[in-house]
Amino acid sequence: MEDFNHTMKFDVRAEEEINEAQLVLKDVYEALKQKGYNPINQLVGYLLSGDPAYITSYNNARSTVLKLERDDLLEEMVRFYLDGKLEKEG
């Protein structure tokens, strides 16, 4: 049985990897939007399932999103969301 009394440490990426994740998300979002898809729904589908079929191949969006691990993309989204929320509260 796992011990849930300890906190695991997760090391974050270097700043250059964060910038790459931002660019990938932006490019994929735009390609999905241009093709008439709901970008949020498609990205969530991809991130939850790992199935790249959720991402259009238009403008190389599918190959672009596959350049990074899904956890890197999730990390960037969480960082972006929390940074925005904390700035508004501060």
Protein backbone atom coordinates (compact mmCIF):
# COMPACT_ATOMS: atom_id res chain seq x y z
CA MET A 1 0.00 0.00 0.00
CA GLU A 2 1.23 3.50 -0.82
CA ASP A 3 2.17 5.96 1.88
CA PHE A 4 0.10 9.11 1.35
CA ASN A 5 1.72 10.96 4.24
CA HIS A 6 4.67 12.15 2.19
CA THR A 7 4.75 14.79 -0.52
CA MET A 8 6.53 13.86 -3.70
CA LYS A 9 8.70 16.50 -5.33
CA PHE A 10 8.23 17.30 -9.01
CA ASP A 11 11.05 19.21 -10.69
CA VAL A 12 10.00 21.86 -13.19
CA ARG A 13 11.57 22.41 -16.58
CA ALA A 14 13.97 25.03 -17.75
CA GLU A 15 12.62 28.37 -18.99
CA GLU A 16 13.41 27.51 -22.63
CA GLU A 17 11.19 24.43 -22.42
CA ILE A 18 8.37 26.55 -20.99
CA ASN A 19 8.62 28.90 -23.95
CA GLU A 20 8.52 25.94 -26.33
CA ALA A 21 5.38 24.62 -24.65
CA GLN A 22 3.76 28.05 -24.99
CA LEU A 23 4.55 28.15 -28.70
CA VAL A 24 3.29 24.62 -29.29
CA LEU A 25 0.02 25.30 -27.48
CA LYS A 26 -0.50 28.56 -29.34
CA ASP A 27 0.20 27.02 -32.76
CA VAL A 28 -1.98 23.98 -32.13
CA TYR A 29 -4.79 26.14 -30.74
CA GLU A 30 -4.74 28.37 -33.83
CA ALA A 31 -4.71 25.42 -36.25
CA LEU A 32 -7.67 23.79 -34.48
CA LYS A 33 -9.57 27.07 -34.46
CA GLN A 34 -8.89 27.71 -38.15
CA LYS A 35 -10.23 24.26 -39.04
CA GLY A 36 -13.44 24.94 -37.11
CA TYR A 37 -12.79 22.73 -34.09
CA ASN A 38 -13.25 23.73 -30.47
CA PRO A 39 -9.56 23.97 -29.51
CA ILE A 40 -10.14 23.51 -25.79
CA ASN A 41 -12.18 20.33 -26.25
CA GLN A 42 -9.69 18.89 -28.73
CA LEU A 43 -6.68 19.65 -26.55
CA VAL A 44 -8.37 18.16 -23.48
CA GLY A 45 -9.21 15.04 -25.48
CA TYR A 46 -5.59 14.71 -26.56
CA LEU A 47 -4.16 15.39 -23.11
CA LEU A 48 -6.44 12.89 -21.39
CA SER A 49 -6.20 10.11 -23.94
CA GLY A 50 -2.81 10.60 -25.58
CA ASP A 51 -4.49 10.03 -28.94
CA PRO A 52 -3.04 12.49 -31.48
CA ALA A 53 -6.15 12.05 -33.66
CA TYR A 54 -7.73 14.79 -31.53
CA ILE A 55 -5.29 17.25 -33.13
CA THR A 56 -5.65 18.27 -36.76
CA SER A 57 -2.75 17.72 -39.11
CA TYR A 58 -3.49 21.16 -40.63
CA ASN A 59 -0.39 23.40 -40.48
CA ASN A 60 1.55 20.46 -38.98
CA ALA A 61 -0.30 20.88 -35.67
CA ARG A 62 -0.30 17.14 -34.94
CA SER A 63 3.43 16.72 -35.48
CA THR A 64 4.04 19.93 -33.51
CA VAL A 65 2.09 18.75 -30.46
CA LEU A 66 3.91 15.43 -30.51
CA LYS A 67 7.28 17.19 -30.10
CA LEU A 68 6.59 17.63 -26.39
CA GLU A 69 5.42 15.26 -23.69
CA ARG A 70 1.84 15.74 -22.55
CA ASP A 71 2.99 16.46 -18.99
CA ASP A 72 5.07 19.38 -20.29
CA LEU A 73 1.99 20.84 -21.95
CA LEU A 74 -0.10 20.32 -18.83
CA GLU A 75 2.56 21.94 -16.68
CA GLU A 76 2.58 25.02 -18.89
CA MET A 77 -1.22 25.29 -18.78
CA VAL A 78 -1.32 25.00 -15.00
CA ARG A 79 1.46 27.57 -14.67
CA PHE A 80 -0.32 29.99 -17.02
CA TYR A 81 -3.66 29.57 -15.23
CA LEU A 82 -2.28 29.94 -11.72
CA ASP A 83 0.00 32.84 -12.61
CA GLY A 84 -3.01 34.71 -14.01
CA LYS A 85 -5.19 33.91 -11.01
CA LEU A 86 -2.54 34.84 -8.46
CA GLU A 87 -1.73 38.12 -10.23
CA LYS A 88 -5.40 39.16 -10.09
CA GLU A 89 -5.63 38.34 -6.39
CA GLY A 90 -2.32 40.00 -5.49
